[in-house]
Amino acid sequence: MGGETIIVTGECPGVILKEARGTEGFGYDPIFSPDGESSFAEIPLSKKNEISHRGNAVKLLKEELKARLEPTT
């Protein structure tokens, strides 16, 4: 693992709300809802990080790095 490029894609399905809701976050957080109920701006940051596209990308990257570092038999 020297100088390799690793690409992962994190996704977070959801819906665009008709009205902005909540005061937390930035960008599209007040209008994006991962569950159709609460916007990203209304949920705790820790929960958002667990389910967001960025959070999912980090999980995938960790899995890929772990797989590449495990010895092959």
PDB file of N, CA and C in Angstrom:
ATOM      1  N   MET A   1       0.835  -1.183   0.000  1.00  0.00           N
ATOM      2  CA  MET A   1       0.000   0.000   0.000  1.00  0.00           C
ATOM      3  C   MET A   1       0.874   1.239   0.000  1.00  0.00           C
ATOM      4  N   GLY A   2       1.334   1.577  -1.116  1.00  0.00           N
ATOM      5  CA  GLY A   2       2.116   2.782  -1.209  1.00  0.00           C
ATOM      6  C   GLY A   2       1.704   3.584  -2.422  1.00  0.00           C
ATOM      7  N   GLY A   3       1.045   4.690  -2.201  1.00  0.00           N
ATOM      8  CA  GLY A   3       0.649   5.555  -3.286  1.00  0.00           C
ATOM      9  C   GLY A   3      -0.564   5.091  -4.075  1.00  0.00           C
ATOM     10  N   GLU A   4      -1.262   4.081  -3.576  1.00  0.00           N
ATOM     11  CA  GLU A   4      -2.463   3.608  -4.268  1.00  0.00           C
ATOM     12  C   GLU A   4      -3.618   4.578  -4.062  1.00  0.00           C
ATOM     13  N   THR A   5      -4.486   4.632  -5.048  1.00  0.00           N
ATOM     14  CA  THR A   5      -5.711   5.409  -4.907  1.00  0.00           C
ATOM     15  C   THR A   5      -6.838   4.470  -4.532  1.00  0.00           C
ATOM     16  N   ILE A   6      -7.558   4.804  -3.492  1.00  0.00           N
ATOM     17  CA  ILE A   6      -8.707   4.013  -3.065  1.00  0.00           C
ATOM     18  C   ILE A   6      -9.934   4.903  -3.192  1.00  0.00           C
ATOM     19  N   ILE A   7     -10.929   4.422  -3.905  1.00  0.00           N
ATOM     20  CA  ILE A   7     -12.160   5.196  -4.088  1.00  0.00           C
ATOM     21  C   ILE A   7     -13.323   4.402  -3.513  1.00  0.00           C
ATOM     22  N   VAL A   8     -14.081   5.036  -2.639  1.00  0.00           N
ATOM     23  CA  VAL A   8     -15.309   4.457  -2.096  1.00  0.00           C
ATOM     24  C   VAL A   8     -16.434   5.476  -2.289  1.00  0.00           C
ATOM     25  N   THR A   9     -17.641   4.983  -2.325  1.00  0.00           N
ATOM     26  CA  THR A   9     -18.792   5.871  -2.511  1.00  0.00           C
ATOM     27  C   THR A   9     -19.794   5.627  -1.392  1.00  0.00           C
ATOM     28  N   GLY A  10     -20.027   6.642  -0.585  1.00  0.00           N
ATOM     29  CA  GLY A  10     -21.021   6.547   0.469  1.00  0.00           C
ATOM     30  C   GLY A  10     -22.341   7.108  -0.021  1.00  0.00           C
ATOM     31  N   GLU A  11     -23.418   6.440   0.345  1.00  0.00           N
ATOM     32  CA  GLU A  11     -24.745   6.895  -0.048  1.00  0.00           C
ATOM     33  C   GLU A  11     -25.644   7.005   1.168  1.00  0.00           C
ATOM     34  N   CYS A  12     -26.610   7.881   1.063  1.00  0.00           N
ATOM     35  CA  CYS A  12     -27.629   8.035   2.096  1.00  0.00           C
ATOM     36  C   CYS A  12     -28.954   8.316   1.395  1.00  0.00           C
ATOM     37  N   PRO A  13     -29.780   7.296   1.229  1.00  0.00           N
ATOM     38  CA  PRO A  13     -31.069   7.532   0.588  1.00  0.00           C
ATOM     39  C   PRO A  13     -31.940   8.429   1.455  1.00  0.00           C
ATOM     40  N   GLY A  14     -32.816   9.167   0.832  1.00  0.00           N
ATOM     41  CA  GLY A  14     -33.707  10.047   1.570  1.00  0.00           C
ATOM     42  C   GLY A  14     -34.577  10.844   0.629  1.00  0.00           C
ATOM     43  N   VAL A  15     -35.191  11.876   1.178  1.00  0.00           N
ATOM     44  CA  VAL A  15     -36.098  12.725   0.401  1.00  0.00           C
ATOM     45  C   VAL A  15     -35.783  14.192   0.664  1.00  0.00           C
ATOM     46  N   ILE A  16     -36.149  15.022  -0.306  1.00  0.00           N
ATOM     47  CA  ILE A  16     -36.039  16.473  -0.137  1.00  0.00           C
ATOM     48  C   ILE A  16     -37.368  16.951   0.440  1.00  0.00           C
ATOM     49  N   LEU A  17     -37.297  17.672   1.545  1.00  0.00           N
ATOM     50  CA  LEU A  17     -38.498  18.178   2.204  1.00  0.00           C
ATOM     51  C   LEU A  17     -39.043  19.409   1.484  1.00  0.00           C
ATOM     52  N   LYS A  18     -40.310  19.677   1.657  1.00  0.00           N
ATOM     53  CA  LYS A  18     -40.940  20.840   1.023  1.00  0.00           C
ATOM     54  C   LYS A  18     -40.552  22.141   1.716  1.00  0.00           C
ATOM     55  N   GLU A  19     -40.191  22.049   3.006  1.00  0.00           N
ATOM     56  CA  GLU A  19     -39.788  23.231   3.772  1.00  0.00           C
ATOM     57  C   GLU A  19     -38.550  22.913   4.588  1.00  0.00           C
ATOM     58  N   ALA A  20     -37.704  23.912   4.771  1.00  0.00           N
ATOM     59  CA  ALA A  20     -36.520  23.759   5.616  1.00  0.00           C
ATOM     60  C   ALA A  20     -36.957  23.593   7.065  1.00  0.00           C
ATOM     61  N   ARG A  21     -36.272  22.674   7.768  1.00  0.00           N
ATOM     62  CA  ARG A  21     -36.587  22.441   9.180  1.00  0.00           C
ATOM     63  C   ARG A  21     -35.297  22.209   9.946  1.00  0.00           C
ATOM     64  N   GLY A  22     -35.227  22.758  11.144  1.00  0.00           N
ATOM     65  CA  GLY A  22     -34.074  22.556  12.006  1.00  0.00           C
ATOM     66  C   GLY A  22     -33.053  23.668  11.885  1.00  0.00           C
ATOM     67  N   THR A  23     -32.147  23.694  12.855  1.00  0.00           N
ATOM     68  CA  THR A  23     -31.157  24.771  12.915  1.00  0.00           C
ATOM     69  C   THR A  23     -29.716  24.263  12.896  1.00  0.00           C
ATOM     70  N   GLU A  24     -29.525  22.970  12.942  1.00  0.00           N
ATOM     71  CA  GLU A  24     -28.172  22.423  12.985  1.00  0.00           C
ATOM     72  C   GLU A  24     -27.675  22.124  11.571  1.00  0.00           C
ATOM     73  N   GLY A  25     -26.394  21.823  11.476  1.00  0.00           N
ATOM     74  CA  GLY A  25     -25.830  21.425  10.197  1.00  0.00           C
ATOM     75  C   GLY A  25     -25.543  22.590   9.277  1.00  0.00           C
ATOM     76  N   PHE A  26     -25.428  22.269   7.989  1.00  0.00           N
ATOM     77  CA  PHE A  26     -25.092  23.283   6.995  1.00  0.00           C
ATOM     78  C   PHE A  26     -25.608  22.814   5.641  1.00  0.00           C
ATOM     79  N   GLY A  27     -25.496  23.662   4.662  1.00  0.00           N
ATOM     80  CA  GLY A  27     -25.860  23.292   3.293  1.00  0.00           C
ATOM     81  C   GLY A  27     -27.289  22.805   3.184  1.00  0.00           C
ATOM     82  N   TYR A  28     -27.458  21.591   2.711  1.00  0.00           N
ATOM     83  CA  TYR A  28     -28.783  21.030   2.466  1.00  0.00           C
ATOM     84  C   TYR A  28     -29.395  20.377   3.705  1.00  0.00           C
ATOM     85  N   ASP A  29     -28.708  20.361   4.839  1.00  0.00           N
ATOM     86  CA  ASP A  29     -29.207  19.669   6.035  1.00  0.00           C
ATOM     87  C   ASP A  29     -30.656  20.018   6.401  1.00  0.00           C
ATOM     88  N   PRO A  30     -31.085  21.275   6.332  1.00  0.00           N
ATOM     89  CA  PRO A  30     -32.470  21.582   6.706  1.00  0.00           C
ATOM     90  C   PRO A  30     -33.526  21.050   5.736  1.00  0.00           C
ATOM     91  N   ILE A  31     -33.133  20.684   4.520  1.00  0.00           N
ATOM     92  CA  ILE A  31     -34.146  20.217   3.572  1.00  0.00           C
ATOM     93  C   ILE A  31     -34.003  18.741   3.201  1.00  0.00           C
ATOM     94  N   PHE A  32     -32.969  18.052   3.715  1.00  0.00           N
ATOM     95  CA  PHE A  32     -32.787  16.634   3.396  1.00  0.00           C
ATOM     96  C   PHE A  32     -33.199  15.779   4.572  1.00  0.00           C
ATOM     97  N   SER A  33     -34.039  14.782   4.298  1.00  0.00           N
ATOM     98  CA  SER A  33     -34.490  13.862   5.338  1.00  0.00           C
ATOM     99  C   SER A  33     -34.131  12.438   4.949  1.00  0.00           C
ATOM    100  N   PRO A  34     -33.341  11.758   5.773  1.00  0.00           N
ATOM    101  CA  PRO A  34     -32.977  10.387   5.461  1.00  0.00           C
ATOM    102  C   PRO A  34     -34.119   9.393   5.720  1.00  0.00           C
ATOM    103  N   ASP A  35     -35.098   9.797   6.515  1.00  0.00           N
ATOM    104  CA  ASP A  35     -36.179   8.885   6.874  1.00  0.00           C
ATOM    105  C   ASP A  35     -37.575   9.402   6.513  1.00  0.00           C
ATOM    106  N   GLY A  36     -37.637  10.574   5.892  1.00  0.00           N
ATOM    107  CA  GLY A  36     -38.931  11.149   5.553  1.00  0.00           C
ATOM    108  C   GLY A  36     -39.622  11.819   6.718  1.00  0.00           C
ATOM    109  N   GLU A  37     -38.975  11.803   7.869  1.00  0.00           N
ATOM    110  CA  GLU A  37     -39.556  12.387   9.090  1.00  0.00           C
ATOM    111  C   GLU A  37     -38.777  13.623   9.533  1.00  0.00           C
ATOM    112  N   SER A  38     -37.510  13.425   9.864  1.00  0.00           N
ATOM    113  CA  SER A  38     -36.668  14.501  10.399  1.00  0.00           C
ATOM    114  C   SER A  38     -35.619  14.910   9.376  1.00  0.00           C
ATOM    115  N   SER A  39     -35.321  16.207   9.339  1.00  0.00           N
ATOM    116  CA  SER A  39     -34.235  16.676   8.472  1.00  0.00           C
ATOM    117  C   SER A  39     -32.905  16.411   9.169  1.00  0.00           C
ATOM    118  N   PHE A  40     -31.822  16.436   8.399  1.00  0.00           N
ATOM    119  CA  PHE A  40     -30.497  16.307   9.001  1.00  0.00           C
ATOM    120  C   PHE A  40     -30.257  17.417  10.017  1.00  0.00           C
ATOM    121  N   ALA A  41     -30.881  18.572   9.831  1.00  0.00           N
ATOM    122  CA  ALA A  41     -30.705  19.704  10.745  1.00  0.00           C
ATOM    123  C   ALA A  41     -31.460  19.518  12.054  1.00  0.00           C
ATOM    124  N   GLU A  42     -32.295  18.489  12.131  1.00  0.00           N
ATOM    125  CA  GLU A  42     -33.079  18.234  13.347  1.00  0.00           C
ATOM    126  C   GLU A  42     -32.547  17.065  14.176  1.00  0.00           C
ATOM    127  N   ILE A  43     -31.657  16.272  13.622  1.00  0.00           N
ATOM    128  CA  ILE A  43     -31.182  15.104  14.358  1.00  0.00           C
ATOM    129  C   ILE A  43     -29.807  15.387  14.960  1.00  0.00           C
ATOM    130  N   PRO A  44     -29.454  14.679  16.027  1.00  0.00           N
ATOM    131  CA  PRO A  44     -28.143  14.891  16.644  1.00  0.00           C
ATOM    132  C   PRO A  44     -27.011  14.599  15.654  1.00  0.00           C
ATOM    133  N   LEU A  45     -25.935  15.350  15.785  1.00  0.00           N
ATOM    134  CA  LEU A  45     -24.781  15.193  14.899  1.00  0.00           C
ATOM    135  C   LEU A  45     -24.252  13.761  14.915  1.00  0.00           C
ATOM    136  N   SER A  46     -24.251  13.117  16.078  1.00  0.00           N
ATOM    137  CA  SER A  46     -23.745  11.747  16.161  1.00  0.00           C
ATOM    138  C   SER A  46     -24.581  10.799  15.305  1.00  0.00           C
ATOM    139  N   LYS A  47     -25.895  10.969  15.296  1.00  0.00           N
ATOM    140  CA  LYS A  47     -26.782  10.142  14.467  1.00  0.00           C
ATOM    141  C   LYS A  47     -26.571  10.454  12.990  1.00  0.00           C
ATOM    142  N   LYS A  48     -26.460  11.744  12.662  1.00  0.00           N
ATOM    143  CA  LYS A  48     -26.220  12.149  11.272  1.00  0.00           C
ATOM    144  C   LYS A  48     -24.936  11.516  10.749  1.00  0.00           C
ATOM    145  N   ASN A  49     -23.872  11.537  11.554  1.00  0.00           N
ATOM    146  CA  ASN A  49     -22.592  10.978  11.130  1.00  0.00           C
ATOM    147  C   ASN A  49     -22.668   9.473  10.894  1.00  0.00           C
ATOM    148  N   GLU A  50     -23.549   8.781  11.608  1.00  0.00           N
ATOM    149  CA  GLU A  50     -23.715   7.338  11.438  1.00  0.00           C
ATOM    150  C   GLU A  50     -24.360   6.994  10.103  1.00  0.00           C
ATOM    151  N   ILE A  51     -25.266   7.851   9.617  1.00  0.00           N
ATOM    152  CA  ILE A  51     -26.075   7.498   8.451  1.00  0.00           C
ATOM    153  C   ILE A  51     -25.798   8.341   7.210  1.00  0.00           C
ATOM    154  N   SER A  52     -25.019   9.398   7.335  1.00  0.00           N
ATOM    155  CA  SER A  52     -24.778  10.285   6.200  1.00  0.00           C
ATOM    156  C   SER A  52     -23.905   9.629   5.139  1.00  0.00           C
ATOM    157  N   HIS A  53     -23.898  10.196   3.955  1.00  0.00           N
ATOM    158  CA  HIS A  53     -23.054   9.659   2.884  1.00  0.00           C
ATOM    159  C   HIS A  53     -21.585   9.724   3.273  1.00  0.00           C
ATOM    160  N   ARG A  54     -21.199  10.752   3.999  1.00  0.00           N
ATOM    161  CA  ARG A  54     -19.803  10.839   4.437  1.00  0.00           C
ATOM    162  C   ARG A  54     -19.486   9.753   5.454  1.00  0.00           C
ATOM    163  N   GLY A  55     -20.397   9.568   6.416  1.00  0.00           N
ATOM    164  CA  GLY A  55     -20.204   8.511   7.409  1.00  0.00           C
ATOM    165  C   GLY A  55     -20.132   7.139   6.774  1.00  0.00           C
ATOM    166  N   ASN A  56     -20.998   6.889   5.803  1.00  0.00           N
ATOM    167  CA  ASN A  56     -20.994   5.604   5.105  1.00  0.00           C
ATOM    168  C   ASN A  56     -19.717   5.427   4.290  1.00  0.00           C
ATOM    169  N   ALA A  57     -19.218   6.495   3.696  1.00  0.00           N
ATOM    170  CA  ALA A  57     -17.968   6.413   2.937  1.00  0.00           C
ATOM    171  C   ALA A  57     -16.799   6.081   3.861  1.00  0.00           C
ATOM    172  N   VAL A  58     -16.773   6.663   5.039  1.00  0.00           N
ATOM    173  CA  VAL A  58     -15.695   6.372   5.992  1.00  0.00           C
ATOM    174  C   VAL A  58     -15.746   4.901   6.402  1.00  0.00           C
ATOM    175  N   LYS A  59     -16.956   4.372   6.659  1.00  0.00           N
ATOM    176  CA  LYS A  59     -17.085   2.951   7.005  1.00  0.00           C
ATOM    177  C   LYS A  59     -16.539   2.068   5.879  1.00  0.00           C
ATOM    178  N   LEU A  60     -16.910   2.388   4.651  1.00  0.00           N
ATOM    179  CA  LEU A  60     -16.430   1.606   3.509  1.00  0.00           C
ATOM    180  C   LEU A  60     -14.915   1.703   3.347  1.00  0.00           C
ATOM    181  N   LEU A  61     -14.372   2.891   3.575  1.00  0.00           N
ATOM    182  CA  LEU A  61     -12.921   3.069   3.477  1.00  0.00           C
ATOM    183  C   LEU A  61     -12.205   2.247   4.541  1.00  0.00           C
ATOM    184  N   LYS A  62     -12.728   2.257   5.759  1.00  0.00           N
ATOM    185  CA  LYS A  62     -12.127   1.460   6.825  1.00  0.00           C
ATOM    186  C   LYS A  62     -12.144  -0.021   6.477  1.00  0.00           C
ATOM    187  N   GLU A  63     -13.272  -0.501   5.929  1.00  0.00           N
ATOM    188  CA  GLU A  63     -13.377  -1.904   5.530  1.00  0.00           C
ATOM    189  C   GLU A  63     -12.359  -2.235   4.433  1.00  0.00           C
ATOM    190  N   GLU A  64     -12.226  -1.348   3.469  1.00  0.00           N
ATOM    191  CA  GLU A  64     -11.289  -1.579   2.363  1.00  0.00           C
ATOM    192  C   GLU A  64      -9.849  -1.594   2.866  1.00  0.00           C
ATOM    193  N   LEU A  65      -9.502  -0.663   3.732  1.00  0.00           N
ATOM    194  CA  LEU A  65      -8.145  -0.631   4.275  1.00  0.00           C
ATOM    195  C   LEU A  65      -7.850  -1.882   5.092  1.00  0.00           C
ATOM    196  N   LYS A  66      -8.829  -2.289   5.899  1.00  0.00           N
ATOM    197  CA  LYS A  66      -8.655  -3.501   6.701  1.00  0.00           C
ATOM    198  C   LYS A  66      -8.435  -4.707   5.799  1.00  0.00           C
ATOM    199  N   ALA A  67      -9.234  -4.826   4.737  1.00  0.00           N
ATOM    200  CA  ALA A  67      -9.101  -5.950   3.812  1.00  0.00           C
ATOM    201  C   ALA A  67      -7.735  -5.950   3.137  1.00  0.00           C
ATOM    202  N   ARG A  68      -7.223  -4.778   2.817  1.00  0.00           N
ATOM    203  CA  ARG A  68      -5.928  -4.702   2.146  1.00  0.00           C
ATOM    204  C   ARG A  68      -4.769  -4.974   3.087  1.00  0.00           C
ATOM    205  N   LEU A  69      -4.980  -4.715   4.381  1.00  0.00           N
ATOM    206  CA  LEU A  69      -3.894  -4.914   5.345  1.00  0.00           C
ATOM    207  C   LEU A  69      -3.856  -6.326   5.907  1.00  0.00           C
ATOM    208  N   GLU A  70      -4.971  -7.077   5.820  1.00  0.00           N
ATOM    209  CA  GLU A  70      -4.996  -8.439   6.337  1.00  0.00           C
ATOM    210  C   GLU A  70      -4.138  -9.326   5.447  1.00  0.00           C
ATOM    211  N   PRO A  71      -3.354 -10.181   6.083  1.00  0.00           N
ATOM    212  CA  PRO A  71      -2.516 -11.087   5.280  1.00  0.00           C
ATOM    213  C   PRO A  71      -3.375 -12.079   4.516  1.00  0.00           C
ATOM    214  N   THR A  72      -2.962 -12.372   3.301  1.00  0.00           N
ATOM    215  CA  THR A  72      -3.673 -13.349   2.490  1.00  0.00           C
ATOM    216  C   THR A  72      -3.106 -14.735   2.760  1.00  0.00           C
ATOM    217  N   THR A  73      -3.951 -15.719   2.719  1.00  0.00           N
ATOM    218  CA  THR A  73      -3.470 -17.091   2.998  1.00  0.00           C
ATOM    219  C   THR A  73      -3.566 -17.948   1.767  1.00  0.00           C
TER     220      THR A  73
END
